Amino acid sequence: VNLNAVRFLHQCHNRLIRVVLLVRTLVDPEPVLRRHRLRELFDEVVWMRENEGKSTAIASRHGILVDDSFVEREEVHESLGIPVFDPSALEALLEG
Protein backbone atom coordinates (compact mmCIF):
# COMPACT_ATOMS: atom_id res chain seq x y z
CA VAL A 1 0.00 0.00 0.00
CA ASN A 2 1.36 3.39 -1.03
CA LEU A 3 1.18 5.44 2.19
CA ASN A 4 1.52 8.76 0.35
CA ALA A 5 -1.48 7.74 -1.74
CA VAL A 6 -3.47 6.99 1.41
CA ARG A 7 -2.46 10.35 2.88
CA PHE A 8 -3.48 12.07 -0.35
CA LEU A 9 -6.86 10.29 -0.38
CA HIS A 10 -7.53 11.38 3.20
CA GLN A 11 -6.49 14.93 2.30
CA CYS A 12 -9.02 14.88 -0.55
CA HIS A 13 -11.70 13.55 1.79
CA ASN A 14 -10.98 16.31 4.31
CA ARG A 15 -11.34 18.91 1.53
CA LEU A 16 -14.60 17.30 0.33
CA ILE A 17 -12.99 16.37 -3.00
CA ARG A 18 -14.63 13.45 -4.75
CA VAL A 19 -12.23 10.56 -5.47
CA VAL A 20 -12.90 7.93 -8.13
CA LEU A 21 -10.71 4.87 -8.64
CA LEU A 22 -10.44 3.78 -12.26
CA VAL A 23 -9.21 0.21 -12.35
CA ARG A 24 -8.58 -2.18 -15.20
CA THR A 25 -8.14 -5.72 -13.93
CA LEU A 26 -9.36 -9.21 -14.81
CA VAL A 27 -10.80 -9.81 -11.35
CA ASP A 28 -13.27 -7.78 -9.30
CA PRO A 29 -11.24 -5.11 -7.45
CA GLU A 30 -13.65 -4.83 -4.51
CA PRO A 31 -12.33 -7.81 -2.47
CA VAL A 32 -8.73 -6.60 -2.81
CA LEU A 33 -9.67 -3.07 -1.75
CA ARG A 34 -11.63 -4.37 1.23
CA ARG A 35 -8.84 -6.78 2.28
CA HIS A 36 -6.43 -3.82 2.48
CA ARG A 37 -9.10 -1.61 4.09
CA LEU A 38 -8.98 0.85 1.21
CA ARG A 39 -12.52 0.67 -0.21
CA GLU A 40 -13.93 3.46 1.92
CA LEU A 41 -11.26 5.88 0.67
CA PHE A 42 -13.00 6.07 -2.72
CA ASP A 43 -16.37 7.62 -3.50
CA GLU A 44 -16.68 5.36 -6.51
CA VAL A 45 -14.79 2.46 -8.08
CA VAL A 46 -15.08 2.12 -11.86
CA TRP A 47 -14.06 -1.29 -13.19
CA MET A 48 -13.00 -0.64 -16.77
CA ARG A 49 -12.82 -2.94 -19.78
CA GLU A 50 -9.46 -3.80 -21.32
CA ASN A 51 -9.93 -1.59 -24.39
CA GLU A 52 -11.38 1.51 -22.66
CA GLY A 53 -9.31 4.65 -22.34
CA LYS A 54 -9.44 6.24 -18.90
CA SER A 55 -10.35 9.59 -20.47
CA THR A 56 -13.79 8.13 -21.31
CA ALA A 57 -14.49 7.57 -17.61
CA ILE A 58 -13.42 11.01 -16.36
CA ALA A 59 -16.45 13.27 -16.22
CA SER A 60 -14.88 16.49 -14.97
CA ARG A 61 -12.23 18.64 -16.56
CA HIS A 62 -11.51 19.99 -13.07
CA GLY A 63 -9.98 16.73 -11.86
CA ILE A 64 -6.56 15.18 -11.97
CA LEU A 65 -5.34 11.69 -12.79
CA VAL A 66 -2.78 9.78 -10.77
CA ASP A 67 -1.64 6.69 -12.65
CA ASP A 68 1.52 4.61 -12.84
CA SER A 69 1.22 4.18 -16.62
CA PHE A 70 2.82 6.84 -18.79
CA VAL A 71 0.61 5.77 -21.71
CA GLU A 72 -2.55 6.23 -19.61
CA ARG A 73 -1.40 9.63 -18.34
CA GLU A 74 -0.51 10.78 -21.83
CA GLU A 75 -3.87 9.67 -23.27
CA VAL A 76 -5.84 11.46 -20.55
CA HIS A 77 -3.76 14.63 -20.74
CA GLU A 78 -4.04 14.81 -24.53
CA SER A 79 -7.77 14.03 -24.52
CA LEU A 80 -8.89 16.17 -21.59
CA GLY A 81 -6.05 18.57 -20.86
CA ILE A 82 -6.19 17.86 -17.13
CA PRO A 83 -3.11 17.55 -14.92
CA VAL A 84 -1.69 14.03 -14.64
CA PHE A 85 0.75 12.66 -12.08
CA ASP A 86 2.81 9.57 -11.51
CA PRO A 87 2.24 8.09 -8.01
CA SER A 88 5.83 9.03 -7.14
CA ALA A 89 4.75 12.69 -7.39
CA LEU A 90 2.02 12.43 -4.75
CA GLU A 91 4.27 13.75 -2.03
CA ALA A 92 4.34 17.10 -3.84
CA LEU A 93 0.52 17.26 -3.63
CA LEU A 94 0.41 16.70 0.13
CA GLU A 95 -0.16 19.52 2.60
CA GLY A 96 2.42 20.24 5.25
PDB file of N, CA and C in Angstrom:
ATOM      1  N   VAL A   1       0.851  -1.179   0.000  1.00  0.00           N
ATOM      2  CA  VAL A   1       0.000   0.000   0.000  1.00  0.00           C
ATOM      3  C   VAL A   1       0.896   1.240   0.000  1.00  0.00           C
ATOM      4  N   ASN A   2       0.613   2.148  -0.907  1.00  0.00           N
ATOM      5  CA  ASN A   2       1.365   3.394  -1.028  1.00  0.00           C
ATOM      6  C   ASN A   2       0.843   4.371   0.034  1.00  0.00           C
ATOM      7  N   LEU A   3       1.632   4.603   1.075  1.00  0.00           N
ATOM      8  CA  LEU A   3       1.184   5.443   2.187  1.00  0.00           C
ATOM      9  C   LEU A   3       0.976   6.896   1.781  1.00  0.00           C
ATOM     10  N   ASN A   4       1.760   7.397   0.838  1.00  0.00           N
ATOM     11  CA  ASN A   4       1.520   8.758   0.350  1.00  0.00           C
ATOM     12  C   ASN A   4       0.178   8.832  -0.375  1.00  0.00           C
ATOM     13  N   ALA A   5      -0.184   7.775  -1.076  1.00  0.00           N
ATOM     14  CA  ALA A   5      -1.484   7.742  -1.744  1.00  0.00           C
ATOM     15  C   ALA A   5      -2.611   7.763  -0.715  1.00  0.00           C
ATOM     16  N   VAL A   6      -2.453   7.011   0.359  1.00  0.00           N
ATOM     17  CA  VAL A   6      -3.472   6.988   1.412  1.00  0.00           C
ATOM     18  C   VAL A   6      -3.578   8.366   2.061  1.00  0.00           C
ATOM     19  N   ARG A   7      -2.453   8.987   2.323  1.00  0.00           N
ATOM     20  CA  ARG A   7      -2.460  10.350   2.885  1.00  0.00           C
ATOM     21  C   ARG A   7      -3.169  11.317   1.934  1.00  0.00           C
ATOM     22  N   PHE A   8      -2.869  11.194   0.649  1.00  0.00           N
ATOM     23  CA  PHE A   8      -3.485  12.066  -0.352  1.00  0.00           C
ATOM     24  C   PHE A   8      -5.004  11.845  -0.410  1.00  0.00           C
ATOM     25  N   LEU A   9      -5.426  10.585  -0.350  1.00  0.00           N
ATOM     26  CA  LEU A   9      -6.863  10.285  -0.381  1.00  0.00           C
ATOM     27  C   LEU A   9      -7.575  10.868   0.834  1.00  0.00           C
ATOM     28  N   HIS A  10      -6.946  10.778   2.000  1.00  0.00           N
ATOM     29  CA  HIS A  10      -7.532  11.382   3.199  1.00  0.00           C
ATOM     30  C   HIS A  10      -7.556  12.906   3.086  1.00  0.00           C
ATOM     31  N   GLN A  11      -6.525  13.479   2.518  1.00  0.00           N
ATOM     32  CA  GLN A  11      -6.491  14.926   2.301  1.00  0.00           C
ATOM     33  C   GLN A  11      -7.655  15.335   1.403  1.00  0.00           C
ATOM     34  N   CYS A  12      -7.890  14.582   0.345  1.00  0.00           N
ATOM     35  CA  CYS A  12      -9.019  14.875  -0.551  1.00  0.00           C
ATOM     36  C   CYS A  12     -10.337  14.775   0.214  1.00  0.00           C
ATOM     37  N   HIS A  13     -10.482  13.730   0.999  1.00  0.00           N
ATOM     38  CA  HIS A  13     -11.700  13.553   1.789  1.00  0.00           C
ATOM     39  C   HIS A  13     -11.917  14.742   2.728  1.00  0.00           C
ATOM     40  N   ASN A  14     -10.882  15.188   3.385  1.00  0.00           N
ATOM     41  CA  ASN A  14     -10.985  16.315   4.310  1.00  0.00           C
ATOM     42  C   ASN A  14     -11.367  17.605   3.592  1.00  0.00           C
ATOM     43  N   ARG A  15     -11.005  17.721   2.336  1.00  0.00           N
ATOM     44  CA  ARG A  15     -11.338  18.906   1.531  1.00  0.00           C
ATOM     45  C   ARG A  15     -12.649  18.731   0.758  1.00  0.00           C
ATOM     46  N   LEU A  16     -13.340  17.616   1.011  1.00  0.00           N
ATOM     47  CA  LEU A  16     -14.596  17.295   0.326  1.00  0.00           C
ATOM     48  C   LEU A  16     -14.419  17.165  -1.189  1.00  0.00           C
ATOM     49  N   ILE A  17     -13.274  16.617  -1.589  1.00  0.00           N
ATOM     50  CA  ILE A  17     -12.985  16.371  -2.998  1.00  0.00           C
ATOM     51  C   ILE A  17     -13.360  14.936  -3.319  1.00  0.00           C
ATOM     52  N   ARG A  18     -14.184  14.773  -4.323  1.00  0.00           N
ATOM     53  CA  ARG A  18     -14.632  13.448  -4.754  1.00  0.00           C
ATOM     54  C   ARG A  18     -13.458  12.680  -5.360  1.00  0.00           C
ATOM     55  N   VAL A  19     -13.326  11.395  -4.990  1.00  0.00           N
ATOM     56  CA  VAL A  19     -12.226  10.560  -5.473  1.00  0.00           C
ATOM     57  C   VAL A  19     -12.810   9.306  -6.119  1.00  0.00           C
ATOM     58  N   VAL A  20     -12.427   9.096  -7.379  1.00  0.00           N
ATOM     59  CA  VAL A  20     -12.896   7.934  -8.135  1.00  0.00           C
ATOM     60  C   VAL A  20     -11.684   7.091  -8.518  1.00  0.00           C
ATOM     61  N   LEU A  21     -11.763   5.808  -8.242  1.00  0.00           N
ATOM     62  CA  LEU A  21     -10.712   4.873  -8.637  1.00  0.00           C
ATOM     63  C   LEU A  21     -11.099   4.252  -9.959  1.00  0.00           C
ATOM     64  N   LEU A  22     -10.255   4.430 -10.963  1.00  0.00           N
ATOM     65  CA  LEU A  22     -10.438   3.783 -12.260  1.00  0.00           C
ATOM     66  C   LEU A  22      -9.492   2.598 -12.295  1.00  0.00           C
ATOM     67  N   VAL A  23     -10.033   1.408 -12.420  1.00  0.00           N
ATOM     68  CA  VAL A  23      -9.208   0.209 -12.352  1.00  0.00           C
ATOM     69  C   VAL A  23      -9.512  -0.703 -13.530  1.00  0.00           C
ATOM     70  N   ARG A  24      -8.454  -1.226 -14.103  1.00  0.00           N
ATOM     71  CA  ARG A  24      -8.581  -2.180 -15.204  1.00  0.00           C
ATOM     72  C   ARG A  24      -7.886  -3.459 -14.750  1.00  0.00           C
ATOM     73  N   THR A  25      -8.675  -4.463 -14.423  1.00  0.00           N
ATOM     74  CA  THR A  25      -8.145  -5.722 -13.929  1.00  0.00           C
ATOM     75  C   THR A  25      -9.070  -6.846 -14.371  1.00  0.00           C
ATOM     76  N   LEU A  26      -8.554  -8.062 -14.395  1.00  0.00           N
ATOM     77  CA  LEU A  26      -9.360  -9.207 -14.807  1.00  0.00           C
ATOM     78  C   LEU A  26     -10.308  -9.677 -13.717  1.00  0.00           C
ATOM     79  N   VAL A  27      -9.975  -9.370 -12.481  1.00  0.00           N
ATOM     80  CA  VAL A  27     -10.805  -9.811 -11.354  1.00  0.00           C
ATOM     81  C   VAL A  27     -11.448  -8.602 -10.680  1.00  0.00           C
ATOM     82  N   ASP A  28     -12.551  -8.832 -10.012  1.00  0.00           N
ATOM     83  CA  ASP A  28     -13.266  -7.781  -9.305  1.00  0.00           C
ATOM     84  C   ASP A  28     -12.333  -7.113  -8.293  1.00  0.00           C
ATOM     85  N   PRO A  29     -12.164  -5.790  -8.363  1.00  0.00           N
ATOM     86  CA  PRO A  29     -11.238  -5.107  -7.450  1.00  0.00           C
ATOM     87  C   PRO A  29     -11.763  -4.953  -6.020  1.00  0.00           C
ATOM     88  N   GLU A  30     -13.058  -5.081  -5.827  1.00  0.00           N
ATOM     89  CA  GLU A  30     -13.652  -4.833  -4.509  1.00  0.00           C
ATOM     90  C   GLU A  30     -13.045  -5.691  -3.388  1.00  0.00           C
ATOM     91  N   PRO A  31     -12.903  -7.013  -3.565  1.00  0.00           N
ATOM     92  CA  PRO A  31     -12.327  -7.813  -2.475  1.00  0.00           C
ATOM     93  C   PRO A  31     -10.898  -7.395  -2.101  1.00  0.00           C
ATOM     94  N   VAL A  32     -10.108  -7.027  -3.084  1.00  0.00           N
ATOM     95  CA  VAL A  32      -8.727  -6.599  -2.806  1.00  0.00           C
ATOM     96  C   VAL A  32      -8.738  -5.286  -2.029  1.00  0.00           C
ATOM     97  N   LEU A  33      -9.577  -4.347  -2.459  1.00  0.00           N
ATOM     98  CA  LEU A  33      -9.669  -3.072  -1.751  1.00  0.00           C
ATOM     99  C   LEU A  33     -10.137  -3.266  -0.317  1.00  0.00           C
ATOM    100  N   ARG A  34     -11.112  -4.126  -0.130  1.00  0.00           N
ATOM    101  CA  ARG A  34     -11.627  -4.375   1.227  1.00  0.00           C
ATOM    102  C   ARG A  34     -10.584  -5.078   2.102  1.00  0.00           C
ATOM    103  N   ARG A  35      -9.859  -6.043   1.517  1.00  0.00           N
ATOM    104  CA  ARG A  35      -8.840  -6.775   2.281  1.00  0.00           C
ATOM    105  C   ARG A  35      -7.774  -5.818   2.829  1.00  0.00           C
ATOM    106  N   HIS A  36      -7.438  -4.801   2.053  1.00  0.00           N
ATOM    107  CA  HIS A  36      -6.426  -3.824   2.479  1.00  0.00           C
ATOM    108  C   HIS A  36      -7.052  -2.603   3.163  1.00  0.00           C
ATOM    109  N   ARG A  37      -8.362  -2.677   3.410  1.00  0.00           N
ATOM    110  CA  ARG A  37      -9.102  -1.612   4.091  1.00  0.00           C
ATOM    111  C   ARG A  37      -9.004  -0.279   3.365  1.00  0.00           C
ATOM    112  N   LEU A  38      -9.088  -0.346   2.032  1.00  0.00           N
ATOM    113  CA  LEU A  38      -8.979   0.850   1.210  1.00  0.00           C
ATOM    114  C   LEU A  38     -10.294   1.263   0.557  1.00  0.00           C
ATOM    115  N   ARG A  39     -11.291   0.406   0.550  1.00  0.00           N
ATOM    116  CA  ARG A  39     -12.516   0.666  -0.213  1.00  0.00           C
ATOM    117  C   ARG A  39     -13.178   1.980   0.182  1.00  0.00           C
ATOM    118  N   GLU A  40     -13.225   2.269   1.446  1.00  0.00           N
ATOM    119  CA  GLU A  40     -13.927   3.462   1.915  1.00  0.00           C
ATOM    120  C   GLU A  40     -13.202   4.769   1.578  1.00  0.00           C
ATOM    121  N   LEU A  41     -11.991   4.673   1.059  1.00  0.00           N
ATOM    122  CA  LEU A  41     -11.262   5.882   0.672  1.00  0.00           C
ATOM    123  C   LEU A  41     -11.737   6.444  -0.660  1.00  0.00           C
ATOM    124  N   PHE A  42     -12.535   5.658  -1.389  1.00  0.00           N
ATOM    125  CA  PHE A  42     -12.998   6.071  -2.720  1.00  0.00           C
ATOM    126  C   PHE A  42     -14.504   6.295  -2.707  1.00  0.00           C
ATOM    127  N   ASP A  43     -14.937   7.364  -3.358  1.00  0.00           N
ATOM    128  CA  ASP A  43     -16.368   7.622  -3.496  1.00  0.00           C
ATOM    129  C   ASP A  43     -16.990   6.663  -4.506  1.00  0.00           C
ATOM    130  N   GLU A  44     -16.191   6.260  -5.468  1.00  0.00           N
ATOM    131  CA  GLU A  44     -16.678   5.358  -6.515  1.00  0.00           C
ATOM    132  C   GLU A  44     -15.504   4.547  -7.048  1.00  0.00           C
ATOM    133  N   VAL A  45     -15.783   3.306  -7.414  1.00  0.00           N
ATOM    134  CA  VAL A  45     -14.795   2.456  -8.075  1.00  0.00           C
ATOM    135  C   VAL A  45     -15.374   2.084  -9.433  1.00  0.00           C
ATOM    136  N   VAL A  46     -14.643   2.424 -10.494  1.00  0.00           N
ATOM    137  CA  VAL A  46     -15.079   2.118 -11.856  1.00  0.00           C
ATOM    138  C   VAL A  46     -14.178   1.021 -12.394  1.00  0.00           C
ATOM    139  N   TRP A  47     -14.785  -0.134 -12.653  1.00  0.00           N
ATOM    140  CA  TRP A  47     -14.062  -1.291 -13.186  1.00  0.00           C
ATOM    141  C   TRP A  47     -14.149  -1.202 -14.696  1.00  0.00           C
ATOM    142  N   MET A  48     -13.023  -0.920 -15.338  1.00  0.00           N
ATOM    143  CA  MET A  48     -13.000  -0.643 -16.772  1.00  0.00           C
ATOM    144  C   MET A  48     -12.670  -1.882 -17.595  1.00  0.00           C
ATOM    145  N   ARG A  49     -13.143  -1.864 -18.832  1.00  0.00           N
ATOM    146  CA  ARG A  49     -12.823  -2.937 -19.776  1.00  0.00           C
ATOM    147  C   ARG A  49     -11.407  -2.746 -20.316  1.00  0.00           C
ATOM    148  N   GLU A  50     -10.848  -3.795 -20.825  1.00  0.00           N
ATOM    149  CA  GLU A  50      -9.461  -3.801 -21.317  1.00  0.00           C
ATOM    150  C   GLU A  50      -9.208  -2.728 -22.380  1.00  0.00           C
ATOM    151  N   ASN A  51     -10.160  -2.487 -23.254  1.00  0.00           N
ATOM    152  CA  ASN A  51      -9.931  -1.588 -24.386  1.00  0.00           C
ATOM    153  C   ASN A  51     -10.417  -0.162 -24.143  1.00  0.00           C
ATOM    154  N   GLU A  52     -10.881   0.170 -22.948  1.00  0.00           N
ATOM    155  CA  GLU A  52     -11.378   1.511 -22.657  1.00  0.00           C
ATOM    156  C   GLU A  52     -10.246   2.438 -22.233  1.00  0.00           C
ATOM    157  N   GLY A  53     -10.247   3.629 -22.792  1.00  0.00           N
ATOM    158  CA  GLY A  53      -9.311   4.648 -22.340  1.00  0.00           C
ATOM    159  C   GLY A  53      -9.846   5.307 -21.078  1.00  0.00           C
ATOM    160  N   LYS A  54      -8.987   5.647 -20.163  1.00  0.00           N
ATOM    161  CA  LYS A  54      -9.438   6.244 -18.903  1.00  0.00           C
ATOM    162  C   LYS A  54     -10.085   7.599 -19.114  1.00  0.00           C
ATOM    163  N   SER A  55      -9.738   8.288 -20.206  1.00  0.00           N
ATOM    164  CA  SER A  55     -10.354   9.589 -20.465  1.00  0.00           C
ATOM    165  C   SER A  55     -11.859   9.468 -20.665  1.00  0.00           C
ATOM    166  N   THR A  56     -12.341   8.318 -21.105  1.00  0.00           N
ATOM    167  CA  THR A  56     -13.788   8.135 -21.307  1.00  0.00           C
ATOM    168  C   THR A  56     -14.541   8.039 -19.988  1.00  0.00           C
ATOM    169  N   ALA A  57     -13.849   7.736 -18.913  1.00  0.00           N
ATOM    170  CA  ALA A  57     -14.495   7.571 -17.607  1.00  0.00           C
ATOM    171  C   ALA A  57     -14.352   8.795 -16.716  1.00  0.00           C
ATOM    172  N   ILE A  58     -13.634   9.803 -17.170  1.00  0.00           N
ATOM    173  CA  ILE A  58     -13.423  11.006 -16.360  1.00  0.00           C
ATOM    174  C   ILE A  58     -14.430  12.056 -16.797  1.00  0.00           C
ATOM    175  N   ALA A  59     -15.339  12.391 -15.886  1.00  0.00           N
ATOM    176  CA  ALA A  59     -16.454  13.270 -16.220  1.00  0.00           C
ATOM    177  C   ALA A  59     -16.107  14.753 -16.097  1.00  0.00           C
ATOM    178  N   SER A  60     -15.171  15.084 -15.244  1.00  0.00           N
ATOM    179  CA  SER A  60     -14.880  16.487 -14.969  1.00  0.00           C
ATOM    180  C   SER A  60     -13.530  16.903 -15.530  1.00  0.00           C
ATOM    181  N   ARG A  61     -13.501  18.081 -16.104  1.00  0.00           N
ATOM    182  CA  ARG A  61     -12.225  18.638 -16.560  1.00  0.00           C
ATOM    183  C   ARG A  61     -11.551  19.435 -15.446  1.00  0.00           C
ATOM    184  N   HIS A  62     -12.093  19.310 -14.234  1.00  0.00           N
ATOM    185  CA  HIS A  62     -11.508  19.986 -13.070  1.00  0.00           C
ATOM    186  C   HIS A  62     -10.745  19.002 -12.197  1.00  0.00           C
ATOM    187  N   GLY A  63     -10.641  17.758 -12.651  1.00  0.00           N
ATOM    188  CA  GLY A  63      -9.975  16.729 -11.864  1.00  0.00           C
ATOM    189  C   GLY A  63      -8.521  16.575 -12.240  1.00  0.00           C
ATOM    190  N   ILE A  64      -7.913  15.582 -11.634  1.00  0.00           N
ATOM    191  CA  ILE A  64      -6.557  15.180 -11.974  1.00  0.00           C
ATOM    192  C   ILE A  64      -6.572  13.656 -12.125  1.00  0.00           C
ATOM    193  N   LEU A  65      -5.514  13.136 -12.713  1.00  0.00           N
ATOM    194  CA  LEU A  65      -5.336  11.687 -12.793  1.00  0.00           C
ATOM    195  C   LEU A  65      -3.994  11.342 -12.177  1.00  0.00           C
ATOM    196  N   VAL A  66      -4.014  10.351 -11.309  1.00  0.00           N
ATOM    197  CA  VAL A  66      -2.780   9.780 -10.773  1.00  0.00           C
ATOM    198  C   VAL A  66      -2.744   8.351 -11.278  1.00  0.00           C
ATOM    199  N   ASP A  67      -1.712   8.014 -12.037  1.00  0.00           N
ATOM    200  CA  ASP A  67      -1.641   6.689 -12.652  1.00  0.00           C
ATOM    201  C   ASP A  67      -0.175   6.322 -12.855  1.00  0.00           C
ATOM    202  N   ASP A  68       0.133   5.045 -12.676  1.00  0.00           N
ATOM    203  CA  ASP A  68       1.524   4.612 -12.839  1.00  0.00           C
ATOM    204  C   ASP A  68       1.897   4.342 -14.291  1.00  0.00           C
ATOM    205  N   SER A  69       0.947   4.439 -15.206  1.00  0.00           N
ATOM    206  CA  SER A  69       1.218   4.181 -16.618  1.00  0.00           C
ATOM    207  C   SER A  69       1.400   5.489 -17.389  1.00  0.00           C
ATOM    208  N   PHE A  70       2.574   5.646 -17.987  1.00  0.00           N
ATOM    209  CA  PHE A  70       2.825   6.838 -18.794  1.00  0.00           C
ATOM    210  C   PHE A  70       1.830   6.924 -19.940  1.00  0.00           C
ATOM    211  N   VAL A  71       1.540   5.797 -20.575  1.00  0.00           N
ATOM    212  CA  VAL A  71       0.608   5.770 -21.715  1.00  0.00           C
ATOM    213  C   VAL A  71      -0.775   6.254 -21.286  1.00  0.00           C
ATOM    214  N   GLU A  72      -1.239   5.798 -20.122  1.00  0.00           N
ATOM    215  CA  GLU A  72      -2.546   6.229 -19.612  1.00  0.00           C
ATOM    216  C   GLU A  72      -2.536   7.727 -19.319  1.00  0.00           C
ATOM    217  N   ARG A  73      -1.485   8.198 -18.657  1.00  0.00           N
ATOM    218  CA  ARG A  73      -1.404   9.628 -18.336  1.00  0.00           C
ATOM    219  C   ARG A  73      -1.376  10.469 -19.601  1.00  0.00           C
ATOM    220  N   GLU A  74      -0.606  10.048 -20.579  1.00  0.00           N
ATOM    221  CA  GLU A  74      -0.508  10.780 -21.831  1.00  0.00           C
ATOM    222  C   GLU A  74      -1.859  10.846 -22.546  1.00  0.00           C
ATOM    223  N   GLU A  75      -2.566   9.716 -22.593  1.00  0.00           N
ATOM    224  CA  GLU A  75      -3.875   9.666 -23.267  1.00  0.00           C
ATOM    225  C   GLU A  75      -4.865  10.608 -22.592  1.00  0.00           C
ATOM    226  N   VAL A  76      -4.906  10.601 -21.281  1.00  0.00           N
ATOM    227  CA  VAL A  76      -5.836  11.462 -20.550  1.00  0.00           C
ATOM    228  C   VAL A  76      -5.462  12.926 -20.725  1.00  0.00           C
ATOM    229  N   HIS A  77      -4.189  13.236 -20.598  1.00  0.00           N
ATOM    230  CA  HIS A  77      -3.763  14.633 -20.735  1.00  0.00           C
ATOM    231  C   HIS A  77      -4.057  15.165 -22.139  1.00  0.00           C
ATOM    232  N   GLU A  78      -3.774  14.375 -23.161  1.00  0.00           N
ATOM    233  CA  GLU A  78      -4.037  14.810 -24.534  1.00  0.00           C
ATOM    234  C   GLU A  78      -5.529  14.919 -24.832  1.00  0.00           C
ATOM    235  N   SER A  79      -6.325  14.014 -24.271  1.00  0.00           N
ATOM    236  CA  SER A  79      -7.770  14.030 -24.525  1.00  0.00           C
ATOM    237  C   SER A  79      -8.510  15.105 -23.742  1.00  0.00           C
ATOM    238  N   LEU A  80      -8.132  15.294 -22.478  1.00  0.00           N
ATOM    239  CA  LEU A  80      -8.891  16.172 -21.591  1.00  0.00           C
ATOM    240  C   LEU A  80      -8.144  17.427 -21.153  1.00  0.00           C
ATOM    241  N   GLY A  81      -6.836  17.414 -21.269  1.00  0.00           N
ATOM    242  CA  GLY A  81      -6.047  18.572 -20.864  1.00  0.00           C
ATOM    243  C   GLY A  81      -5.948  18.769 -19.363  1.00  0.00           C
ATOM    244  N   ILE A  82      -6.268  17.735 -18.588  1.00  0.00           N
ATOM    245  CA  ILE A  82      -6.186  17.859 -17.131  1.00  0.00           C
ATOM    246  C   ILE A  82      -4.785  17.475 -16.647  1.00  0.00           C
ATOM    247  N   PRO A  83      -4.409  17.936 -15.459  1.00  0.00           N
ATOM    248  CA  PRO A  83      -3.106  17.551 -14.917  1.00  0.00           C
ATOM    249  C   PRO A  83      -3.049  16.045 -14.632  1.00  0.00           C
ATOM    250  N   VAL A  84      -1.909  15.460 -14.891  1.00  0.00           N
ATOM    251  CA  VAL A  84      -1.693  14.033 -14.639  1.00  0.00           C
ATOM    252  C   VAL A  84      -0.406  13.869 -13.844  1.00  0.00           C
ATOM    253  N   PHE A  85      -0.393  12.864 -12.962  1.00  0.00           N
ATOM    254  CA  PHE A  85       0.746  12.660 -12.078  1.00  0.00           C
ATOM    255  C   PHE A  85       1.077  11.188 -11.968  1.00  0.00           C
ATOM    256  N   ASP A  86       2.343  10.888 -11.860  1.00  0.00           N
ATOM    257  CA  ASP A  86       2.811   9.568 -11.507  1.00  0.00           C
ATOM    258  C   ASP A  86       2.646   9.433  -9.980  1.00  0.00           C
ATOM    259  N   PRO A  87       2.365   8.234  -9.467  1.00  0.00           N
ATOM    260  CA  PRO A  87       2.239   8.086  -8.010  1.00  0.00           C
ATOM    261  C   PRO A  87       3.451   8.591  -7.229  1.00  0.00           C
ATOM    262  N   SER A  88       4.624   8.554  -7.835  1.00  0.00           N
ATOM    263  CA  SER A  88       5.829   9.032  -7.140  1.00  0.00           C
ATOM    264  C   SER A  88       5.777  10.537  -6.892  1.00  0.00           C
ATOM    265  N   ALA A  89       4.870  11.243  -7.563  1.00  0.00           N
ATOM    266  CA  ALA A  89       4.750  12.690  -7.392  1.00  0.00           C
ATOM    267  C   ALA A  89       3.727  13.080  -6.333  1.00  0.00           C
ATOM    268  N   LEU A  90       3.070  12.116  -5.728  1.00  0.00           N
ATOM    269  CA  LEU A  90       2.023  12.430  -4.752  1.00  0.00           C
ATOM    270  C   LEU A  90       2.522  13.249  -3.569  1.00  0.00           C
ATOM    271  N   GLU A  91       3.729  13.019  -3.173  1.00  0.00           N
ATOM    272  CA  GLU A  91       4.270  13.755  -2.027  1.00  0.00           C
ATOM    273  C   GLU A  91       4.204  15.256  -2.270  1.00  0.00           C
ATOM    274  N   ALA A  92       4.395  15.672  -3.513  1.00  0.00           N
ATOM    275  CA  ALA A  92       4.341  17.096  -3.839  1.00  0.00           C
ATOM    276  C   ALA A  92       2.928  17.670  -3.707  1.00  0.00           C
ATOM    277  N   LEU A  93       1.916  16.806  -3.729  1.00  0.00           N
ATOM    278  CA  LEU A  93       0.523  17.263  -3.626  1.00  0.00           C
ATOM    279  C   LEU A  93       0.018  17.258  -2.186  1.00  0.00           C
ATOM    280  N   LEU A  94       0.828  16.786  -1.269  1.00  0.00           N
ATOM    281  CA  LEU A  94       0.406  16.702   0.128  1.00  0.00           C
ATOM    282  C   LEU A  94       0.624  18.017   0.858  1.00  0.00           C
ATOM    283  N   GLU A  95      -0.310  18.332   1.749  1.00  0.00           N
ATOM    284  CA  GLU A  95      -0.162  19.516   2.600  1.00  0.00           C
ATOM    285  C   GLU A  95       0.858  19.240   3.694  1.00  0.00           C
ATOM    286  N   GLY A  96       1.531  20.289   4.106  1.00  0.00           N
ATOM    287  CA  GLY A  96       2.417  20.236   5.253  1.00  0.00           C
ATOM    288  C   GLY A  96       3.229  19.054   5.320  1.00  0.00           C
TER     289      GLY A  96
END
